[in-house]
Amino acid sequence: MRSSASRLGLLLLWLGCWLAAQPCLQAQPSFWQPDSSLNRGRLRPIVLGTAAGVTGLYAGLATVWYADQPRGPWRWFNDGAEWQQLDKVGHAYWAYQESRMMMDLLHWAGLARTPRVILGGLTGFVLQSPIEILDGSVSTYGASSWDLVANASGSSLAILNELLWREQRLQPKFSFWPSPYARQNTELLGSGLSQVIKDYNGQTYWISTPISAYFHHKPRWLPAWLSLSAGYGGSGMVGGYGELPRAVIDAREYRRWLLSVDVDWTRIPTRSGLLRTVLYLMNMLKTPAPALGLEKGKIVGYGLYY
């Protein structure tokens, strides 16, 4: 749970460092365009800001969060069977987003394609994995090899997109709607805004892809932004792992598979660099739309799913 908050903190801190490093946005007409060659004036604040931000964030976590946690011998903990693996999908999602953004930031700074794909693509894994070192020394947690696998999967997807298509064609997205299960265990599932990162019952993760990208000659009737989206979620999750019989947990929890349409906001043409950046960030989220779902062996229709 705390790793979800730290990933969100990493992302917000990182974006803040990027924007804060540019004091004269309006005075630079070409600010929003990637440089054609290496621009050290852009690269330096990206590297230094990211390094300082990540160091500060993990130092803060070690001091504030982990200082009061019970310590023990460093150990691994197998949590692969918990939460219908939605926490692992969340790890992959955030690793992908961090890798995608760093690749694009390095492109903006004029770094050549090969190093920006390699260095940027590894960013998500590198940023998220140190938390396992901290978790491993807490007796009630333990380091998770499944978290590391999920981190690597998200970063690998960002790299694979670039290698196959030179663009991010398979894009993980996120949607959330509050579930009633949080009231049964607010300590684990949160309340209010914290429910967004704690309540796995309300989270849905998607893979969206623009339909027109697979046509050699795009049909005129097909909007470039129209995407097909496959989603994964779950329900009935209120904890109890290691405390309740596995049969009880399995009878309560279930998975949800979804198929929907989506909007690829990055394919909407605009001349505004600021608006293009806003649309870029919006692409992290799934657009509400009708959907078909498969849950408990039954097909369910949703007039509007989010």
Protein backbone atom coordinates (compact mmCIF):
# COMPACT_ATOMS: atom_id res chain seq x y z
CA MET A 1 0.00 0.00 0.00
CA ARG A 2 2.72 2.49 0.97
CA SER A 3 4.58 1.64 -2.26
CA SER A 4 1.59 2.90 -4.27
CA ALA A 5 1.77 6.23 -2.46
CA SER A 6 5.53 6.43 -2.93
CA ARG A 7 5.20 5.75 -6.66
CA LEU A 8 2.68 8.56 -6.97
CA GLY A 9 5.00 10.79 -4.99
CA LEU A 10 7.91 9.90 -7.26
CA LEU A 11 5.92 10.80 -10.35
CA LEU A 12 4.61 14.11 -9.01
CA LEU A 13 8.01 15.09 -7.65
CA TRP A 14 9.65 14.22 -10.94
CA LEU A 15 7.21 16.29 -13.01
CA GLY A 16 7.63 19.15 -10.59
CA CYS A 17 11.41 19.08 -10.98
CA TRP A 18 11.05 19.14 -14.76
CA LEU A 19 8.75 22.17 -14.82
CA ALA A 20 10.53 24.03 -12.02
CA ALA A 21 13.78 23.80 -13.95
CA GLN A 22 12.32 25.98 -16.73
CA PRO A 23 11.83 29.56 -15.42
CA CYS A 24 11.05 31.20 -18.76
CA LEU A 25 8.55 29.02 -20.59
CA GLN A 26 6.91 31.81 -22.53
CA ALA A 27 10.24 33.36 -23.51
CA GLN A 28 11.30 30.20 -25.36
CA PRO A 29 9.05 29.58 -28.40
CA SER A 30 10.66 26.20 -29.06
CA PHE A 31 10.51 25.00 -25.46
CA TRP A 32 7.88 22.34 -26.13
CA GLN A 33 9.72 20.82 -29.11
CA PRO A 34 12.39 18.09 -28.72
CA ASP A 35 15.88 19.33 -29.49
CA SER A 36 17.53 17.94 -32.63
CA SER A 37 20.84 17.44 -30.80
CA LEU A 38 21.93 16.99 -27.22
CA ASN A 39 20.90 20.01 -25.16
CA ARG A 40 22.84 19.94 -21.90
CA GLY A 41 20.79 22.81 -20.57
CA ARG A 42 17.74 20.53 -20.71
CA LEU A 43 19.47 17.29 -19.77
CA ARG A 44 21.16 18.60 -16.64
CA PRO A 45 17.99 19.58 -14.68
CA ILE A 46 16.31 16.31 -15.71
CA VAL A 47 19.16 14.20 -14.33
CA LEU A 48 19.90 16.31 -11.26
CA GLY A 49 16.24 16.93 -10.44
CA THR A 50 15.35 13.24 -10.72
CA ALA A 51 18.36 12.12 -8.66
CA ALA A 52 17.74 14.69 -5.93
CA GLY A 53 14.02 14.03 -5.85
CA VAL A 54 14.34 10.26 -5.62
CA THR A 55 17.09 10.47 -3.00
CA GLY A 56 15.01 12.85 -0.91
CA LEU A 57 11.87 10.78 -1.24
CA TYR A 58 13.50 7.51 -0.19
CA ALA A 59 15.36 9.22 2.62
CA GLY A 60 12.03 10.61 3.79
CA LEU A 61 10.37 7.19 3.60
CA ALA A 62 13.21 5.62 5.59
CA THR A 63 12.95 8.34 8.25
CA VAL A 64 9.19 8.86 8.48
CA TRP A 65 7.55 5.59 7.47
CA TYR A 66 10.06 2.85 8.17
CA ALA A 67 11.58 4.32 11.35
CA ASP A 68 8.64 3.08 13.45
CA GLN A 69 8.29 -0.30 11.74
CA PRO A 70 9.41 -3.49 13.55
CA ARG A 71 12.84 -4.52 12.31
CA GLY A 72 14.11 -8.03 11.73
CA PRO A 73 16.56 -10.01 9.61
CA TRP A 74 16.34 -9.09 5.94
CA ARG A 75 14.03 -11.53 4.18
CA TRP A 76 11.94 -12.27 1.11
CA PHE A 77 8.16 -12.53 1.33
CA ASN A 78 5.97 -14.30 -1.23
CA ASP A 79 2.87 -12.15 -1.72
CA GLY A 80 2.10 -13.33 -5.26
CA ALA A 81 -1.26 -14.87 -4.30
CA GLU A 82 -2.71 -11.74 -2.68
CA TRP A 83 -5.14 -9.09 -3.99
CA GLN A 84 -5.77 -11.00 -7.21
CA GLN A 85 -2.33 -9.69 -8.28
CA LEU A 86 -3.76 -6.19 -8.81
CA ASP A 87 -0.99 -4.69 -6.68
CA LYS A 88 1.54 -6.27 -9.07
CA VAL A 89 -0.29 -4.86 -12.08
CA GLY A 90 -0.07 -1.50 -10.32
CA HIS A 91 3.70 -1.90 -9.99
CA ALA A 92 3.95 -2.62 -13.72
CA TYR A 93 1.69 0.33 -14.57
CA TRP A 94 3.79 2.85 -12.64
CA ALA A 95 7.09 1.43 -13.91
CA TYR A 96 5.77 1.81 -17.46
CA GLN A 97 4.66 5.42 -16.90
CA GLU A 98 7.97 6.41 -15.33
CA SER A 99 9.94 4.76 -18.14
CA ARG A 100 7.72 6.30 -20.82
CA MET A 101 8.09 9.78 -19.37
CA MET A 102 11.85 9.54 -18.95
CA MET A 103 12.28 8.33 -22.53
CA ASP A 104 10.24 11.29 -23.72
CA LEU A 105 12.09 13.73 -21.47
CA LEU A 106 15.42 12.47 -22.83
CA HIS A 107 14.03 12.82 -26.34
CA TRP A 108 13.04 16.40 -25.48
CA ALA A 109 16.63 16.96 -24.29
CA GLY A 110 17.97 15.76 -27.66
CA LEU A 111 19.53 12.47 -26.52
CA ALA A 112 20.09 9.96 -29.33
CA ARG A 113 17.49 7.23 -29.74
CA THR A 114 19.45 4.18 -28.51
CA PRO A 115 20.67 5.65 -25.19
CA ARG A 116 17.34 7.32 -24.46
CA VAL A 117 15.44 4.05 -25.01
CA ILE A 118 17.87 2.08 -22.83
CA LEU A 119 18.38 4.65 -20.06
CA GLY A 120 14.83 5.96 -20.11
CA GLY A 121 13.33 2.52 -20.42
CA LEU A 122 15.13 1.25 -17.33
CA THR A 123 14.02 4.22 -15.25
CA GLY A 124 10.78 2.73 -13.91
CA PHE A 125 12.56 -0.39 -12.66
CA VAL A 126 15.41 1.61 -11.13
CA LEU A 127 13.11 4.11 -9.40
CA GLN A 128 10.71 1.60 -7.88
CA SER A 129 12.93 -1.32 -6.90
CA PRO A 130 14.81 0.25 -3.95
CA ILE A 131 11.64 0.09 -1.89
CA GLU A 132 12.12 -3.69 -1.74
CA ILE A 133 15.38 -3.11 0.11
CA LEU A 134 13.50 -1.11 2.72
CA ASP A 135 10.65 -3.64 2.87
CA GLY A 136 13.05 -6.55 3.31
CA SER A 137 14.28 -5.28 6.67
CA VAL A 138 10.76 -4.89 8.14
CA SER A 139 9.59 -8.04 9.92
CA THR A 140 5.92 -7.53 8.95
CA TYR A 141 6.67 -6.93 5.24
CA GLY A 142 9.62 -8.55 3.53
CA ALA A 143 10.94 -7.91 0.04
CA SER A 144 8.78 -9.20 -2.80
CA SER A 145 10.35 -10.84 -5.84
CA TRP A 146 6.95 -10.48 -7.54
CA ASP A 147 7.20 -6.71 -7.14
CA LEU A 148 10.57 -6.76 -8.89
CA VAL A 149 9.16 -8.87 -11.71
CA ALA A 150 6.24 -6.47 -12.10
CA ASN A 151 8.58 -3.45 -12.11
CA ALA A 152 10.68 -5.09 -14.82
CA SER A 153 7.56 -5.95 -16.84
CA GLY A 154 6.36 -2.34 -16.93
CA SER A 155 9.73 -0.98 -17.99
CA SER A 156 10.12 -3.76 -20.55
CA LEU A 157 6.78 -2.87 -22.14
CA ALA A 158 7.88 0.74 -22.62
CA ILE A 159 11.11 -0.44 -24.26
CA LEU A 160 9.35 -3.07 -26.38
CA ASN A 161 6.96 -0.48 -27.80
CA GLU A 162 9.90 1.59 -28.97
CA LEU A 163 11.74 -1.37 -30.44
CA LEU A 164 8.72 -2.70 -32.33
CA TRP A 165 7.00 0.49 -33.51
CA ARG A 166 9.10 3.51 -32.48
CA GLU A 167 6.05 4.71 -30.58
CA GLN A 168 4.04 3.74 -27.51
CA ARG A 169 1.33 1.71 -29.20
CA LEU A 170 0.38 -0.59 -26.29
CA GLN A 171 -0.36 1.83 -23.46
CA PRO A 172 -1.26 0.85 -19.87
CA LYS A 173 -3.99 3.05 -18.38
CA PHE A 174 -5.81 3.33 -15.08
CA SER A 175 -9.37 3.92 -13.94
CA PHE A 176 -11.00 3.97 -10.52
CA TRP A 177 -14.47 3.95 -9.01
CA PRO A 178 -14.99 3.71 -5.21
CA SER A 179 -16.12 0.29 -4.06
CA PRO A 180 -18.27 -0.56 -1.03
CA TYR A 181 -15.60 -2.96 0.28
CA ALA A 182 -13.46 -0.12 1.65
CA ARG A 183 -15.97 0.38 4.47
CA GLN A 184 -15.25 -3.16 5.65
CA ASN A 185 -11.55 -2.50 6.18
CA THR A 186 -10.65 1.21 5.99
CA GLU A 187 -7.22 0.57 7.52
CA LEU A 188 -6.18 -1.49 4.50
CA LEU A 189 -8.44 -0.08 1.79
CA GLY A 190 -8.49 3.56 2.82
CA SER A 191 -11.18 6.20 2.75
CA GLY A 192 -11.65 9.39 0.77
CA LEU A 193 -8.77 10.16 -1.57
CA SER A 194 -6.55 7.46 -0.07
CA GLN A 195 -9.03 4.89 -1.37
CA VAL A 196 -7.78 5.55 -4.91
CA ILE A 197 -4.39 4.01 -4.16
CA LYS A 198 -5.47 1.52 -1.48
CA ASP A 199 -8.79 0.03 -2.62
CA TYR A 200 -7.90 -2.58 -5.23
CA ASN A 201 -11.61 -3.38 -5.69
CA GLY A 202 -12.12 0.01 -7.32
CA GLN A 203 -9.02 -0.09 -9.51
CA THR A 204 -9.01 -1.23 -13.13
CA TYR A 205 -5.91 -1.45 -15.28
CA TRP A 206 -6.12 -1.32 -19.04
CA ILE A 207 -4.04 -1.87 -22.15
CA SER A 208 -5.19 0.54 -24.86
CA THR A 209 -4.05 0.60 -28.47
CA PRO A 210 -5.07 2.96 -31.31
CA ILE A 211 -6.93 1.02 -34.00
CA SER A 212 -5.66 3.15 -36.89
CA ALA A 213 -2.04 2.32 -36.05
CA TYR A 214 -2.49 -1.15 -37.54
CA PHE A 215 -3.64 0.07 -40.96
CA HIS A 216 -1.04 0.75 -43.64
CA HIS A 217 -3.45 3.28 -45.12
CA LYS A 218 -5.79 4.63 -42.45
CA PRO A 219 -9.45 4.68 -43.56
CA ARG A 220 -10.85 8.20 -43.67
CA TRP A 221 -13.79 7.23 -41.48
CA LEU A 222 -11.53 5.95 -38.67
CA PRO A 223 -10.41 8.64 -36.15
CA ALA A 224 -6.72 8.42 -35.30
CA TRP A 225 -7.55 8.75 -31.59
CA LEU A 226 -10.06 5.87 -31.40
CA SER A 227 -8.58 2.99 -29.39
CA LEU A 228 -9.52 -0.50 -28.28
CA SER A 229 -8.95 -1.21 -24.61
CA ALA A 230 -8.73 -4.45 -22.61
CA GLY A 231 -9.08 -4.13 -18.84
CA TYR A 232 -8.44 -6.16 -15.70
CA GLY A 233 -9.87 -5.66 -12.22
CA GLY A 234 -11.26 -7.59 -9.30
CA SER A 235 -13.68 -7.49 -6.40
CA GLY A 236 -14.33 -8.99 -2.99
CA MET A 237 -10.86 -8.16 -1.68
CA VAL A 238 -10.77 -7.07 1.98
CA GLY A 239 -7.57 -8.74 3.19
CA GLY A 240 -7.22 -11.61 5.62
CA TYR A 241 -4.27 -13.23 3.82
CA GLY A 242 -2.45 -15.59 6.12
CA GLU A 243 -5.27 -15.31 8.68
CA LEU A 244 -8.29 -16.82 6.91
CA PRO A 245 -8.49 -20.22 5.16
CA ARG A 246 -7.62 -19.93 1.48
CA ALA A 247 -11.00 -21.45 0.57
CA VAL A 248 -12.80 -18.56 2.30
CA ILE A 249 -10.74 -15.97 0.44
CA ASP A 250 -11.18 -17.71 -2.92
CA ALA A 251 -14.96 -17.87 -2.46
CA ARG A 252 -15.11 -14.15 -1.73
CA GLU A 253 -12.74 -12.74 -4.36
CA TYR A 254 -13.11 -12.78 -8.14
CA ARG A 255 -11.50 -11.30 -11.24
CA ARG A 256 -13.06 -9.01 -13.81
CA TRP A 257 -12.06 -8.89 -17.49
CA LEU A 258 -13.24 -6.01 -19.66
CA LEU A 259 -13.35 -4.83 -23.25
CA SER A 260 -14.03 -1.20 -24.11
CA VAL A 261 -13.16 1.69 -26.38
CA ASP A 262 -10.84 4.52 -25.43
CA VAL A 263 -9.30 7.80 -26.55
CA ASP A 264 -5.61 8.15 -27.34
CA TRP A 265 -5.28 11.80 -26.38
CA THR A 266 -1.77 12.04 -27.82
CA ARG A 267 -3.20 11.53 -31.33
CA ILE A 268 -5.45 14.56 -31.18
CA PRO A 269 -3.71 17.26 -33.24
CA THR A 270 -2.96 20.60 -31.58
CA ARG A 271 -0.46 23.40 -32.14
CA SER A 272 -0.31 24.25 -28.45
CA GLY A 273 2.67 22.73 -26.68
CA LEU A 274 1.03 23.23 -23.30
CA LEU A 275 -2.17 21.51 -24.42
CA ARG A 276 -0.15 18.70 -25.96
CA THR A 277 1.54 18.14 -22.59
CA VAL A 278 -1.83 18.11 -20.81
CA LEU A 279 -3.15 15.53 -23.29
CA TYR A 280 0.02 13.49 -22.80
CA LEU A 281 -0.62 13.30 -19.05
CA MET A 282 -4.32 12.56 -19.60
CA ASN A 283 -3.26 9.46 -21.52
CA MET A 284 -2.35 7.82 -18.22
CA LEU A 285 -6.09 7.46 -17.52
CA LYS A 286 -8.75 5.41 -19.28
CA THR A 287 -11.56 7.48 -20.73
CA PRO A 288 -15.02 6.48 -19.37
CA ALA A 289 -16.92 4.51 -22.02
CA PRO A 290 -19.34 1.59 -22.45
CA ALA A 291 -17.77 -1.80 -21.75
CA LEU A 292 -18.36 -5.52 -21.77
CA GLY A 293 -17.19 -7.47 -18.74
CA LEU A 294 -16.61 -11.11 -17.85
CA GLU A 295 -16.92 -11.90 -14.14
CA LYS A 296 -17.92 -15.04 -12.27
CA GLY A 297 -18.34 -16.77 -15.64
CA LYS A 298 -21.00 -14.30 -16.82
CA ILE A 299 -20.92 -11.54 -19.42
CA VAL A 300 -21.96 -8.17 -18.02
CA GLY A 301 -22.65 -4.96 -19.93
CA TYR A 302 -21.83 -1.49 -18.60
CA GLY A 303 -23.41 1.62 -20.10
CA LEU A 304 -20.47 3.65 -18.77
CA TYR A 305 -17.48 2.06 -17.03
CA TYR A 306 -14.78 3.77 -15.10
